[in-house]
Protein backbone atom coordinates (compact mmCIF):
# COMPACT_ATOMS: atom_id res chain seq x y z
CA MET A 1 -16.17 8.98 -3.12
CA ILE A 2 -15.74 10.01 -6.64
CA LEU A 3 -15.78 13.76 -5.70
CA TYR A 4 -13.31 13.16 -3.07
CA LYS A 5 -10.81 11.26 -5.42
CA GLN A 6 -11.21 13.65 -8.31
CA ILE A 7 -11.68 17.00 -6.70
CA LEU A 8 -10.65 17.25 -3.06
CA ARG A 9 -7.56 14.88 -3.05
CA PRO A 10 -5.85 16.40 -6.07
CA LEU A 11 -6.29 19.86 -4.32
CA ILE A 12 -4.80 18.93 -0.96
CA LEU A 13 -2.00 16.75 -2.23
CA TYR A 14 -0.89 18.99 -5.15
CA ALA A 15 2.98 18.74 -5.82
CA ALA A 16 3.19 15.87 -3.18
CA PRO A 17 6.60 14.55 -4.45
CA ILE A 18 8.15 17.86 -3.86
CA TRP A 19 6.99 18.57 -0.29
CA GLY A 20 7.09 14.86 0.74
CA TYR A 21 9.29 15.47 3.75
CA CYS A 22 7.54 18.47 5.39
CA ALA A 23 7.04 18.53 9.23
CA LYS A 24 5.00 15.71 10.69
CA THR A 25 2.49 18.05 11.88
CA HIS A 26 1.58 19.27 8.56
CA ILE A 27 1.13 15.70 7.22
CA ASN A 28 -0.98 14.84 10.25
CA LYS A 29 -3.25 17.76 9.58
CA ILE A 30 -3.79 16.50 6.00
CA GLN A 31 -4.32 12.96 7.46
CA VAL A 32 -6.98 14.22 9.91
CA PHE A 33 -8.72 16.03 7.07
CA GLN A 34 -8.76 12.77 4.92
CA SER A 35 -10.04 10.85 7.76
CA LYS A 36 -12.92 13.23 8.50
CA ILE A 37 -13.94 13.23 4.95
CA LEU A 38 -13.96 9.43 4.82
CA ARG A 39 -15.96 9.42 7.97
CA ILE A 40 -18.60 11.85 6.51
CA ILE A 41 -18.79 9.89 3.27
CA SER A 42 -19.21 6.55 5.04
CA ASN A 43 -21.42 7.92 7.74
CA ALA A 44 -19.21 6.04 10.34
CA PRO A 45 -19.62 6.48 14.03
CA TRP A 46 -16.96 7.84 16.16
CA PHE A 47 -15.64 4.66 17.32
CA VAL A 48 -14.64 3.29 14.06
CA ARG A 49 -10.89 3.29 13.45
CA ASN A 50 -9.39 5.39 10.73
CA GLU A 51 -7.46 2.31 9.52
CA ALA A 52 -10.67 0.52 8.96
CA LEU A 53 -11.91 3.31 6.96
CA HIS A 54 -8.91 3.55 4.74
CA THR A 55 -9.00 -0.30 4.13
CA ASP A 56 -12.58 -0.27 3.32
CA PHE A 57 -12.24 2.48 0.77
CA ARG A 58 -8.76 1.22 -0.40
CA LEU A 59 -7.10 4.21 0.19
CA PRO A 60 -3.43 4.67 1.52
CA MET A 61 -2.59 6.78 4.35
CA VAL A 62 -1.44 10.29 3.47
CA LYS A 63 2.29 9.68 4.40
CA SER A 64 2.56 6.59 2.14
CA TYR A 65 0.71 8.48 -0.60
CA ILE A 66 3.14 11.19 -0.51
CA GLN A 67 6.45 9.21 -0.11
CA ASN A 68 5.81 6.78 -3.00
CA PRO A 69 5.82 9.48 -5.80
CA SER A 70 8.54 11.26 -3.85
CA VAL A 71 10.80 8.26 -4.18
CA ASN A 72 9.93 7.83 -7.89
CA PHE A 73 10.67 11.42 -8.53
CA PHE A 74 14.06 11.57 -6.98
CA GLY A 75 14.85 8.24 -8.44
CA GLN A 76 14.31 9.55 -11.89
CA LEU A 77 16.61 12.45 -11.15
CA ASN A 78 19.47 9.97 -10.90
CA ASN A 79 18.75 9.00 -14.61
CA ALA A 80 18.65 12.66 -15.88
CA LYS A 81 21.39 13.60 -18.28
CA SER A 82 21.77 17.07 -16.84
CA ALA A 83 21.85 15.74 -13.19
CA LYS A 84 25.67 15.90 -12.90
CA TYR A 85 25.66 19.42 -14.35
CA PHE A 86 23.30 20.78 -11.80
CA LYS A 87 24.58 18.55 -9.07
CA LEU A 88 21.21 17.08 -8.45
CA ASN A 89 22.57 13.67 -7.23
CA ASP A 90 24.87 15.22 -4.61
CA LYS A 91 23.85 14.57 -1.16
CA PRO A 92 23.04 17.65 0.97
CA ALA A 93 25.25 18.55 3.87
CA LEU A 94 24.54 16.86 7.05
CA ARG A 95 22.11 18.60 9.21
CA ARG A 96 21.01 18.13 12.85
CA LEU A 97 17.30 18.61 12.35
CA LYS A 98 14.97 15.77 12.84
CA ARG A 99 13.12 16.65 9.69
CA GLY A 100 14.52 15.30 6.42
CA ARG A 101 14.82 16.64 3.06
CA PRO A 102 12.93 15.42 0.05
CA HIS A 103 16.11 14.01 -1.30
CA ASP A 104 16.44 11.81 1.88
CA ALA A 105 13.52 9.62 0.45
CA LEU A 106 15.90 7.72 -1.59
CA SER A 107 18.19 6.68 1.22
CA GLN A 108 15.21 5.67 3.62
CA ARG A 109 13.54 3.49 0.94
CA GLN A 110 16.58 1.44 -0.10
């Protein structure tokens, strides 16, 4: 478990605040990888639920692990002195895509 937390997890979740709102399929692929690693570490049989593995190891799901730093990152942009100069706080133009932008994390959490 220590190897996973110190070596593998930082590799697969590098720069998570920035790509917090990538397509759901990409996040699901990372979630499947994490669940497989937890299953290998615990030597759990196939019928044990992934939620049970995550609660036993006290690890959050990948989506929540990605969204929390994303909200903190974009929340700190509001307090930056140069945010107005670079227009970092301006909401992006409306899009009709299902997938959001990283900046949308603030509006979904509040």
